[in-house]
PDB file of all heavy atoms in Angstrom:
ATOM      1  N   PHE A   1      14.951  94.093  10.671  1.00  0.00           N
ATOM      2  CA  PHE A   1      14.116  93.552   9.640  1.00  0.00           C
ATOM      3  C   PHE A   1      13.413  94.676   8.899  1.00  0.00           C
ATOM      4  O   PHE A   1      13.322  95.782   9.418  1.00  0.00           O
ATOM      5  CB  PHE A   1      12.925  92.663  10.159  1.00  0.00           C
ATOM      6  CG  PHE A   1      11.945  93.336  11.027  1.00  0.00           C
ATOM      7  CD1 PHE A   1      10.763  93.842  10.474  1.00  0.00           C
ATOM      8  CD2 PHE A   1      12.130  93.519  12.396  1.00  0.00           C
ATOM      9  CE1 PHE A   1       9.858  94.478  11.221  1.00  0.00           C
ATOM     10  CE2 PHE A   1      11.169  94.209  13.173  1.00  0.00           C
ATOM     11  CZ  PHE A   1      10.063  94.667  12.543  1.00  0.00           C
ATOM     12  N   GLY A   2      13.157  94.411   7.676  1.00  0.00           N
ATOM     13  CA  GLY A   2      12.345  95.365   6.810  1.00  0.00           C
ATOM     14  C   GLY A   2      11.204  94.604   6.189  1.00  0.00           C
ATOM     15  O   GLY A   2      10.410  93.950   6.934  1.00  0.00           O
ATOM     16  N   ARG A   3      11.216  94.600   4.951  1.00  0.00           N
ATOM     17  CA  ARG A   3      10.088  93.907   4.182  1.00  0.00           C
ATOM     18  C   ARG A   3      10.260  92.396   4.426  1.00  0.00           C
ATOM     19  O   ARG A   3       9.312  91.602   4.337  1.00  0.00           O
ATOM     20  CB  ARG A   3      10.207  94.121   2.729  1.00  0.00           C
ATOM     21  CG  ARG A   3       9.380  95.377   2.405  1.00  0.00           C
ATOM     22  CD  ARG A   3       9.169  95.378   0.912  1.00  0.00           C
ATOM     23  NE  ARG A   3       9.268  96.758   0.409  1.00  0.00           N
ATOM     24  CZ  ARG A   3       9.596  97.122  -0.809  1.00  0.00           C
ATOM     25  NH1 ARG A   3       9.841  96.223  -1.695  1.00  0.00           N
ATOM     26  NH2 ARG A   3       9.536  98.363  -1.099  1.00  0.00           N
ATOM     27  N   GLN A   4      11.546  92.014   4.640  1.00  0.00           N
ATOM     28  CA  GLN A   4      11.850  90.562   4.800  1.00  0.00           C
ATOM     29  C   GLN A   4      11.122  89.976   5.992  1.00  0.00           C
ATOM     30  O   GLN A   4      10.881  88.801   6.063  1.00  0.00           O
ATOM     31  CB  GLN A   4      13.409  90.478   4.964  1.00  0.00           C
ATOM     32  CG  GLN A   4      13.843  89.060   4.813  1.00  0.00           C
ATOM     33  CD  GLN A   4      15.394  89.030   4.837  1.00  0.00           C
ATOM     34  OE1 GLN A   4      15.979  89.981   5.151  1.00  0.00           O
ATOM     35  NE2 GLN A   4      15.957  87.809   4.578  1.00  0.00           N
ATOM     36  N   LYS A   5      10.761  90.800   6.901  1.00  0.00           N
ATOM     37  CA  LYS A   5      10.159  90.491   8.180  1.00  0.00           C
ATOM     38  C   LYS A   5      11.060  89.451   8.902  1.00  0.00           C
ATOM     39  O   LYS A   5      12.272  89.528   8.849  1.00  0.00           O
ATOM     40  CB  LYS A   5       8.783  89.970   7.950  1.00  0.00           C
ATOM     41  CG  LYS A   5       7.883  90.866   7.224  1.00  0.00           C
ATOM     42  CD  LYS A   5       7.030  91.780   8.161  1.00  0.00           C
ATOM     43  CE  LYS A   5       5.947  92.526   7.537  1.00  0.00           C
ATOM     44  NZ  LYS A   5       6.307  93.553   6.573  1.00  0.00           N
ATOM     45  N   GLY A   6      10.530  88.525   9.531  1.00  0.00           N
ATOM     46  CA  GLY A   6      11.283  87.403  10.091  1.00  0.00           C
ATOM     47  C   GLY A   6      10.976  86.187   9.411  1.00  0.00           C
ATOM     48  O   GLY A   6      10.449  86.143   8.305  1.00  0.00           O
ATOM     49  N   HIS A   7      11.385  85.093   9.985  1.00  0.00           N
ATOM     50  CA  HIS A   7      11.079  83.765   9.419  1.00  0.00           C
ATOM     51  C   HIS A   7      10.990  82.738  10.474  1.00  0.00           C
ATOM     52  O   HIS A   7      11.372  82.944  11.615  1.00  0.00           O
ATOM     53  CB  HIS A   7      12.114  83.389   8.340  1.00  0.00           C
ATOM     54  CG  HIS A   7      13.510  83.216   8.896  1.00  0.00           C
ATOM     55  ND1 HIS A   7      14.358  84.200   9.093  1.00  0.00           N
ATOM     56  CD2 HIS A   7      14.149  82.060   9.348  1.00  0.00           C
ATOM     57  CE1 HIS A   7      15.509  83.766   9.597  1.00  0.00           C
ATOM     58  NE2 HIS A   7      15.384  82.449   9.805  1.00  0.00           N
ATOM     59  N   THR A   8      10.434  81.595  10.173  1.00  0.00           N
ATOM     60  CA  THR A   8      10.215  80.451  11.136  1.00  0.00           C
ATOM     61  C   THR A   8      11.313  79.418  10.923  1.00  0.00           C
ATOM     62  O   THR A   8      11.653  79.077   9.762  1.00  0.00           O
ATOM     63  CB  THR A   8       8.867  79.861  10.928  1.00  0.00           C
ATOM     64  OG1 THR A   8       7.800  80.874  11.045  1.00  0.00           O
ATOM     65  CG2 THR A   8       8.571  78.825  12.009  1.00  0.00           C
ATOM     66  N   GLU A   9      11.928  78.994  12.060  1.00  0.00           N
ATOM     67  CA  GLU A   9      12.904  77.928  11.944  1.00  0.00           C
ATOM     68  C   GLU A   9      12.460  76.758  12.849  1.00  0.00           C
ATOM     69  O   GLU A   9      11.711  76.880  13.782  1.00  0.00           O
ATOM     70  CB  GLU A   9      14.293  78.455  12.356  1.00  0.00           C
ATOM     71  CG  GLU A   9      14.870  79.408  11.385  1.00  0.00           C
ATOM     72  CD  GLU A   9      16.373  79.816  11.717  1.00  0.00           C
ATOM     73  OE1 GLU A   9      16.948  79.214  12.633  1.00  0.00           O
ATOM     74  OE2 GLU A   9      16.928  80.598  11.020  1.00  0.00           O
ATOM     75  N   LEU A  10      13.046  75.628  12.516  1.00  0.00           N
ATOM     76  CA  LEU A  10      12.775  74.418  13.277  1.00  0.00           C
ATOM     77  C   LEU A  10      14.065  74.024  14.057  1.00  0.00           C
ATOM     78  O   LEU A  10      15.098  73.917  13.481  1.00  0.00           O
ATOM     79  CB  LEU A  10      12.361  73.315  12.359  1.00  0.00           C
ATOM     80  CG  LEU A  10      11.638  72.074  12.979  1.00  0.00           C
ATOM     81  CD1 LEU A  10      10.345  72.453  13.705  1.00  0.00           C
ATOM     82  CD2 LEU A  10      11.386  70.983  11.881  1.00  0.00           C
ATOM     83  N   TYR A  11      13.977  73.824  15.349  1.00  0.00           N
ATOM     84  CA  TYR A  11      15.100  73.484  16.180  1.00  0.00           C
ATOM     85  C   TYR A  11      14.644  72.381  17.165  1.00  0.00           C
ATOM     86  O   TYR A  11      13.761  72.594  18.035  1.00  0.00           O
ATOM     87  CB  TYR A  11      15.630  74.696  17.039  1.00  0.00           C
ATOM     88  CG  TYR A  11      16.811  74.369  17.807  1.00  0.00           C
ATOM     89  CD1 TYR A  11      18.083  74.099  17.248  1.00  0.00           C
ATOM     90  CD2 TYR A  11      16.696  74.320  19.188  1.00  0.00           C
ATOM     91  CE1 TYR A  11      19.157  73.746  18.048  1.00  0.00           C
ATOM     92  CE2 TYR A  11      17.780  74.101  20.023  1.00  0.00           C
ATOM     93  CZ  TYR A  11      19.036  73.782  19.426  1.00  0.00           C
ATOM     94  OH  TYR A  11      20.114  73.513  20.271  1.00  0.00           O
ATOM     95  N   ARG A  12      15.252  71.300  17.032  1.00  0.00           N
ATOM     96  CA  ARG A  12      15.002  70.068  17.852  1.00  0.00           C
ATOM     97  C   ARG A  12      13.473  69.782  17.939  1.00  0.00           C
ATOM     98  O   ARG A  12      12.901  69.575  18.952  1.00  0.00           O
ATOM     99  CB  ARG A  12      15.503  70.238  19.267  1.00  0.00           C
ATOM    100  CG  ARG A  12      16.983  70.332  19.290  1.00  0.00           C
ATOM    101  CD  ARG A  12      17.553  70.221  20.743  1.00  0.00           C
ATOM    102  NE  ARG A  12      18.973  70.125  20.702  1.00  0.00           N
ATOM    103  CZ  ARG A  12      19.697  70.122  21.839  1.00  0.00           C
ATOM    104  NH1 ARG A  12      19.154  70.171  23.019  1.00  0.00           N
ATOM    105  NH2 ARG A  12      21.040  70.138  21.720  1.00  0.00           N
ATOM    106  N   GLY A  13      12.873  69.899  16.759  1.00  0.00           N
ATOM    107  CA  GLY A  13      11.409  69.550  16.641  1.00  0.00           C
ATOM    108  C   GLY A  13      10.506  70.700  17.039  1.00  0.00           C
ATOM    109  O   GLY A  13       9.288  70.547  16.862  1.00  0.00           O
ATOM    110  N   ALA A  14      11.053  71.739  17.596  1.00  0.00           N
ATOM    111  CA  ALA A  14      10.214  72.931  17.991  1.00  0.00           C
ATOM    112  C   ALA A  14      10.288  73.997  16.966  1.00  0.00           C
ATOM    113  O   ALA A  14      11.429  74.338  16.534  1.00  0.00           O
ATOM    114  CB  ALA A  14      10.552  73.359  19.307  1.00  0.00           C
ATOM    115  N   GLU A  15       9.199  74.580  16.629  1.00  0.00           N
ATOM    116  CA  GLU A  15       9.230  75.725  15.697  1.00  0.00           C
ATOM    117  C   GLU A  15       9.339  77.032  16.490  1.00  0.00           C
ATOM    118  O   GLU A  15       8.683  77.227  17.463  1.00  0.00           O
ATOM    119  CB  GLU A  15       7.888  75.678  14.828  1.00  0.00           C
ATOM    120  CG  GLU A  15       8.026  76.299  13.489  1.00  0.00           C
ATOM    121  CD  GLU A  15       6.731  76.110  12.757  1.00  0.00           C
ATOM    122  OE1 GLU A  15       5.834  76.898  12.994  1.00  0.00           O
ATOM    123  OE2 GLU A  15       6.639  75.166  11.896  1.00  0.00           O
ATOM    124  N   TYR A  16      10.119  77.977  15.977  1.00  0.00           N
ATOM    125  CA  TYR A  16      10.175  79.273  16.599  1.00  0.00           C
ATOM    126  C   TYR A  16      10.376  80.343  15.568  1.00  0.00           C
ATOM    127  O   TYR A  16      10.899  80.089  14.458  1.00  0.00           O
ATOM    128  CB  TYR A  16      11.288  79.275  17.716  1.00  0.00           C
ATOM    129  CG  TYR A  16      12.720  79.139  17.183  1.00  0.00           C
ATOM    130  CD1 TYR A  16      13.444  80.258  17.002  1.00  0.00           C
ATOM    131  CD2 TYR A  16      13.247  77.952  16.923  1.00  0.00           C
ATOM    132  CE1 TYR A  16      14.818  80.198  16.585  1.00  0.00           C
ATOM    133  CE2 TYR A  16      14.578  77.873  16.486  1.00  0.00           C
ATOM    134  CZ  TYR A  16      15.292  78.956  16.187  1.00  0.00           C
ATOM    135  OH  TYR A  16      16.605  78.839  15.796  1.00  0.00           O
ATOM    136  N   VAL A  17      10.018  81.537  15.927  1.00  0.00           N
ATOM    137  CA  VAL A  17      10.038  82.676  14.952  1.00  0.00           C
ATOM    138  C   VAL A  17      11.295  83.490  15.270  1.00  0.00           C
ATOM    139  O   VAL A  17      11.619  83.805  16.357  1.00  0.00           O
ATOM    140  CB  VAL A  17       8.834  83.585  15.148  1.00  0.00           C
ATOM    141  CG1 VAL A  17       8.931  84.764  14.245  1.00  0.00           C
ATOM    142  CG2 VAL A  17       7.554  82.763  14.842  1.00  0.00           C
ATOM    143  N   VAL A  18      12.030  83.786  14.175  1.00  0.00           N
ATOM    144  CA  VAL A  18      13.157  84.683  14.208  1.00  0.00           C
ATOM    145  C   VAL A  18      12.687  86.006  13.745  1.00  0.00           C
ATOM    146  O   VAL A  18      12.458  86.178  12.517  1.00  0.00           O
ATOM    147  CB  VAL A  18      14.313  84.157  13.367  1.00  0.00           C
ATOM    148  CG1 VAL A  18      15.501  85.045  13.340  1.00  0.00           C
ATOM    149  CG2 VAL A  18      14.831  82.715  13.811  1.00  0.00           C
ATOM    150  N   ASP A  19      12.571  86.997  14.648  1.00  0.00           N
ATOM    151  CA  ASP A  19      11.974  88.260  14.257  1.00  0.00           C
ATOM    152  C   ASP A  19      13.034  89.170  13.678  1.00  0.00           C
ATOM    153  O   ASP A  19      12.790  90.018  12.863  1.00  0.00           O
ATOM    154  CB  ASP A  19      11.455  88.964  15.550  1.00  0.00           C
ATOM    155  CG  ASP A  19      10.189  88.290  16.018  1.00  0.00           C
ATOM    156  OD1 ASP A  19       9.412  87.731  15.149  1.00  0.00           O
ATOM    157  OD2 ASP A  19       9.879  88.339  17.207  1.00  0.00           O
ATOM    158  N   PHE A  20      14.337  89.121  14.145  1.00  0.00           N
ATOM    159  CA  PHE A  20      15.402  89.966  13.652  1.00  0.00           C
ATOM    160  C   PHE A  20      16.417  89.128  12.882  1.00  0.00           C
ATOM    161  O   PHE A  20      16.908  88.179  13.355  1.00  0.00           O
ATOM    162  CB  PHE A  20      16.043  90.659  14.869  1.00  0.00           C
ATOM    163  CG  PHE A  20      15.067  91.572  15.538  1.00  0.00           C
ATOM    164  CD1 PHE A  20      14.526  91.219  16.742  1.00  0.00           C
ATOM    165  CD2 PHE A  20      14.753  92.816  15.041  1.00  0.00           C
ATOM    166  CE1 PHE A  20      13.591  92.045  17.417  1.00  0.00           C
ATOM    167  CE2 PHE A  20      13.807  93.617  15.666  1.00  0.00           C
ATOM    168  CZ  PHE A  20      13.288  93.273  16.848  1.00  0.00           C
ATOM    169  N   ILE A  21      16.673  89.677  11.729  1.00  0.00           N
ATOM    170  CA  ILE A  21      17.616  88.953  10.804  1.00  0.00           C
ATOM    171  C   ILE A  21      19.020  89.471  10.921  1.00  0.00           C
ATOM    172  O   ILE A  21      19.176  90.719  11.041  1.00  0.00           O
ATOM    173  CB  ILE A  21      17.148  89.175   9.350  1.00  0.00           C
ATOM    174  CG1 ILE A  21      15.698  88.815   9.148  1.00  0.00           C
ATOM    175  CG2 ILE A  21      18.034  88.389   8.324  1.00  0.00           C
ATOM    176  CD1 ILE A  21      15.293  87.477   9.413  1.00  0.00           C
ATOM    177  N   PRO A  22      20.061  88.634  11.126  1.00  0.00           N
ATOM    178  CA  PRO A  22      21.410  89.189  11.154  1.00  0.00           C
ATOM    179  C   PRO A  22      21.890  89.877   9.960  1.00  0.00           C
ATOM    180  O   PRO A  22      21.669  89.398   8.856  1.00  0.00           O
ATOM    181  CB  PRO A  22      22.250  87.865  11.381  1.00  0.00           C
ATOM    182  CG  PRO A  22      21.299  86.862  11.659  1.00  0.00           C
ATOM    183  CD  PRO A  22      20.008  87.189  11.136  1.00  0.00           C
ATOM    184  N   LYS A  23      22.452  91.012  10.133  1.00  0.00           N
ATOM    185  CA  LYS A  23      23.029  91.874   9.034  1.00  0.00           C
ATOM    186  C   LYS A  23      24.307  92.440   9.435  1.00  0.00           C
ATOM    187  O   LYS A  23      24.715  92.379  10.588  1.00  0.00           O
ATOM    188  CB  LYS A  23      22.019  93.022   8.695  1.00  0.00           C
ATOM    189  CG  LYS A  23      20.583  92.608   8.316  1.00  0.00           C
ATOM    190  CD  LYS A  23      20.567  92.107   6.892  1.00  0.00           C
ATOM    191  CE  LYS A  23      19.115  91.753   6.513  1.00  0.00           C
ATOM    192  NZ  LYS A  23      18.989  91.238   5.258  1.00  0.00           N
ATOM    193  N   ILE A  24      25.005  93.034   8.390  1.00  0.00           N
ATOM    194  CA  ILE A  24      26.139  93.819   8.643  1.00  0.00           C
ATOM    195  C   ILE A  24      26.024  95.314   8.358  1.00  0.00           C
ATOM    196  O   ILE A  24      25.407  95.538   7.305  1.00  0.00           O
ATOM    197  CB  ILE A  24      27.402  93.227   7.786  1.00  0.00           C
ATOM    198  CG1 ILE A  24      27.749  91.817   8.180  1.00  0.00           C
ATOM    199  CG2 ILE A  24      28.625  94.135   7.865  1.00  0.00           C
ATOM    200  CD1 ILE A  24      28.339  91.634   9.592  1.00  0.00           C
ATOM    201  N   LYS A  25      26.458  96.134   9.227  1.00  0.00           N
ATOM    202  CA  LYS A  25      26.313  97.577   9.021  1.00  0.00           C
ATOM    203  C   LYS A  25      27.802  98.082   8.758  1.00  0.00           C
ATOM    204  O   LYS A  25      28.650  97.952   9.524  1.00  0.00           O
ATOM    205  CB  LYS A  25      25.720  98.263  10.216  1.00  0.00           C
ATOM    206  CG  LYS A  25      25.576  99.797   9.982  1.00  0.00           C
ATOM    207  CD  LYS A  25      24.734 100.284  11.074  1.00  0.00           C
ATOM    208  CE  LYS A  25      25.093 101.674  11.499  1.00  0.00           C
ATOM    209  NZ  LYS A  25      24.266 102.161  12.642  1.00  0.00           N
ATOM    210  N   ILE A  26      27.921  98.740   7.573  1.00  0.00           N
ATOM    211  CA  ILE A  26      29.241  99.317   7.144  1.00  0.00           C
ATOM    212  C   ILE A  26      29.020 100.750   7.275  1.00  0.00           C
ATOM    213  O   ILE A  26      28.090 101.365   6.750  1.00  0.00           O
ATOM    214  CB  ILE A  26      29.555  98.893   5.735  1.00  0.00           C
ATOM    215  CG1 ILE A  26      29.641  97.399   5.515  1.00  0.00           C
ATOM    216  CG2 ILE A  26      30.896  99.607   5.301  1.00  0.00           C
ATOM    217  CD1 ILE A  26      29.764  96.963   4.078  1.00  0.00           C
ATOM    218  N   GLU A  27      29.947 101.494   7.908  1.00  0.00           N
ATOM    219  CA  GLU A  27      29.968 102.962   8.015  1.00  0.00           C
ATOM    220  C   GLU A  27      31.287 103.511   7.629  1.00  0.00           C
ATOM    221  O   GLU A  27      32.348 102.908   7.928  1.00  0.00           O
ATOM    222  CB  GLU A  27      29.740 103.342   9.523  1.00  0.00           C
ATOM    223  CG  GLU A  27      28.449 102.884  10.057  1.00  0.00           C
ATOM    224  CD  GLU A  27      28.312 103.247  11.546  1.00  0.00           C
ATOM    225  OE1 GLU A  27      28.787 102.339  12.356  1.00  0.00           O
ATOM    226  OE2 GLU A  27      27.765 104.298  11.868  1.00  0.00           O
ATOM    227  N   MET A  28      31.285 104.549   6.830  1.00  0.00           N
ATOM    228  CA  MET A  28      32.475 105.178   6.311  1.00  0.00           C
ATOM    229  C   MET A  28      32.264 106.668   6.039  1.00  0.00           C
ATOM    230  O   MET A  28      31.207 107.038   5.693  1.00  0.00           O
ATOM    231  CB  MET A  28      33.029 104.500   5.220  1.00  0.00           C
ATOM    232  CG  MET A  28      32.199 104.579   3.914  1.00  0.00           C
ATOM    233  SD  MET A  28      32.660 103.312   2.648  1.00  0.00           S
ATOM    234  CE  MET A  28      31.662 102.027   3.159  1.00  0.00           C
ATOM    235  N   ILE A  29      33.222 107.440   6.294  1.00  0.00           N
ATOM    236  CA  ILE A  29      33.233 108.902   5.889  1.00  0.00           C
ATOM    237  C   ILE A  29      34.126 109.031   4.663  1.00  0.00           C
ATOM    238  O   ILE A  29      35.291 108.540   4.688  1.00  0.00           O
ATOM    239  CB  ILE A  29      33.809 109.773   7.010  1.00  0.00           C
ATOM    240  CG1 ILE A  29      33.061 109.391   8.344  1.00  0.00           C
ATOM    241  CG2 ILE A  29      33.672 111.207   6.631  1.00  0.00           C
ATOM    242  CD1 ILE A  29      31.566 109.680   8.337  1.00  0.00           C
ATOM    243  N   ILE A  30      33.553 109.542   3.620  1.00  0.00           N
ATOM    244  CA  ILE A  30      34.225 109.651   2.371  1.00  0.00           C
ATOM    245  C   ILE A  30      34.199 111.102   1.785  1.00  0.00           C
ATOM    246  O   ILE A  30      33.272 111.911   2.164  1.00  0.00           O
ATOM    247  CB  ILE A  30      33.713 108.696   1.305  1.00  0.00           C
ATOM    248  CG1 ILE A  30      32.258 108.990   1.019  1.00  0.00           C
ATOM    249  CG2 ILE A  30      33.965 107.198   1.716  1.00  0.00           C
ATOM    250  CD1 ILE A  30      31.683 108.197  -0.111  1.00  0.00           C
ATOM    251  N   SER A  31      35.056 111.468   0.868  1.00  0.00           N
ATOM    252  CA  SER A  31      35.010 112.728   0.202  1.00  0.00           C
ATOM    253  C   SER A  31      33.897 112.712  -0.815  1.00  0.00           C
ATOM    254  O   SER A  31      33.520 111.637  -1.318  1.00  0.00           O
ATOM    255  CB  SER A  31      36.406 113.117  -0.448  1.00  0.00           C
ATOM    256  OG  SER A  31      36.611 112.076  -1.388  1.00  0.00           O
ATOM    257  N   ASP A  32      33.366 113.983  -1.067  1.00  0.00           N
ATOM    258  CA  ASP A  32      32.207 114.040  -1.958  1.00  0.00           C
ATOM    259  C   ASP A  32      32.463 113.406  -3.315  1.00  0.00           C
ATOM    260  O   ASP A  32      31.596 112.853  -3.955  1.00  0.00           O
ATOM    261  CB  ASP A  32      31.852 115.522  -2.180  1.00  0.00           C
ATOM    262  CG  ASP A  32      31.186 116.072  -0.844  1.00  0.00           C
ATOM    263  OD1 ASP A  32      30.727 115.317  -0.054  1.00  0.00           O
ATOM    264  OD2 ASP A  32      31.167 117.301  -0.761  1.00  0.00           O
ATOM    265  N   ASP A  33      33.744 113.550  -3.908  1.00  0.00           N
ATOM    266  CA  ASP A  33      34.032 113.058  -5.197  1.00  0.00           C
ATOM    267  C   ASP A  33      33.950 111.547  -5.300  1.00  0.00           C
ATOM    268  O   ASP A  33      33.898 110.951  -6.391  1.00  0.00           O
ATOM    269  CB  ASP A  33      35.330 113.582  -5.672  1.00  0.00           C
ATOM    270  CG  ASP A  33      36.510 113.232  -4.802  1.00  0.00           C
ATOM    271  OD1 ASP A  33      36.279 113.095  -3.597  1.00  0.00           O
ATOM    272  OD2 ASP A  33      37.650 113.098  -5.344  1.00  0.00           O
ATOM    273  N   LEU A  34      34.064 110.752  -4.137  1.00  0.00           N
ATOM    274  CA  LEU A  34      33.992 109.304  -4.180  1.00  0.00           C
ATOM    275  C   LEU A  34      32.532 108.765  -3.930  1.00  0.00           C
ATOM    276  O   LEU A  34      32.366 107.532  -4.031  1.00  0.00           O
ATOM    277  CB  LEU A  34      34.871 108.778  -3.039  1.00  0.00           C
ATOM    278  CG  LEU A  34      36.372 108.719  -3.285  1.00  0.00           C
ATOM    279  CD1 LEU A  34      37.132 108.228  -2.107  1.00  0.00           C
ATOM    280  CD2 LEU A  34      36.691 107.870  -4.530  1.00  0.00           C
ATOM    281  N   LEU A  35      31.649 109.698  -3.706  1.00  0.00           N
ATOM    282  CA  LEU A  35      30.246 109.203  -3.239  1.00  0.00           C
ATOM    283  C   LEU A  35      29.612 108.344  -4.338  1.00  0.00           C
ATOM    284  O   LEU A  35      29.129 107.270  -3.951  1.00  0.00           O
ATOM    285  CB  LEU A  35      29.402 110.441  -2.926  1.00  0.00           C
ATOM    286  CG  LEU A  35      27.960 110.127  -2.464  1.00  0.00           C
ATOM    287  CD1 LEU A  35      27.974 109.186  -1.278  1.00  0.00           C
ATOM    288  CD2 LEU A  35      27.157 111.353  -2.376  1.00  0.00           C
ATOM    289  N   LEU A  36      29.436 108.784  -5.572  1.00  0.00           N
ATOM    290  CA  LEU A  36      28.783 107.997  -6.590  1.00  0.00           C
ATOM    291  C   LEU A  36      29.348 106.645  -6.797  1.00  0.00           C
ATOM    292  O   LEU A  36      28.677 105.665  -6.837  1.00  0.00           O
ATOM    293  CB  LEU A  36      28.629 108.756  -7.791  1.00  0.00           C
ATOM    294  CG  LEU A  36      27.728 110.060  -7.814  1.00  0.00           C
ATOM    295  CD1 LEU A  36      27.771 110.843  -9.085  1.00  0.00           C
ATOM    296  CD2 LEU A  36      26.332 109.774  -7.348  1.00  0.00           C
ATOM    297  N   ASP A  37      30.654 106.600  -6.908  1.00  0.00           N
ATOM    298  CA  ASP A  37      31.378 105.363  -7.144  1.00  0.00           C
ATOM    299  C   ASP A  37      31.210 104.388  -5.902  1.00  0.00           C
ATOM    300  O   ASP A  37      31.090 103.218  -6.048  1.00  0.00           O
ATOM    301  CB  ASP A  37      32.869 105.574  -7.338  1.00  0.00           C
ATOM    302  CG  ASP A  37      33.172 106.100  -8.729  1.00  0.00           C
ATOM    303  OD1 ASP A  37      32.199 106.032  -9.630  1.00  0.00           O
ATOM    304  OD2 ASP A  37      34.152 106.697  -8.929  1.00  0.00           O
ATOM    305  N   THR A  38      31.238 105.037  -4.676  1.00  0.00           N
ATOM    306  CA  THR A  38      31.116 104.185  -3.460  1.00  0.00           C
ATOM    307  C   THR A  38      29.735 103.599  -3.452  1.00  0.00           C
ATOM    308  O   THR A  38      29.565 102.350  -3.155  1.00  0.00           O
ATOM    309  CB  THR A  38      31.313 105.091  -2.255  1.00  0.00           C
ATOM    310  OG1 THR A  38      32.675 105.571  -2.319  1.00  0.00           O
ATOM    311  CG2 THR A  38      31.214 104.244  -0.968  1.00  0.00           C
ATOM    312  N   VAL A  39      28.699 104.351  -3.612  1.00  0.00           N
ATOM    313  CA  VAL A  39      27.305 103.869  -3.610  1.00  0.00           C
ATOM    314  C   VAL A  39      27.089 102.763  -4.615  1.00  0.00           C
ATOM    315  O   VAL A  39      26.550 101.736  -4.412  1.00  0.00           O
ATOM    316  CB  VAL A  39      26.282 104.965  -3.664  1.00  0.00           C
ATOM    317  CG1 VAL A  39      24.884 104.407  -3.867  1.00  0.00           C
ATOM    318  CG2 VAL A  39      26.329 105.879  -2.443  1.00  0.00           C
TER     319      VAL A  39
END
């Protein structure tokens, strides 16, 4: 989480807090000349 923090969800009538949001992390090694286009 960042600024998004978590959020509250309702499951079977019970409210609970989701502190961590699912995300995808992409990692790659690239040559310097591709950096600006990649970002």
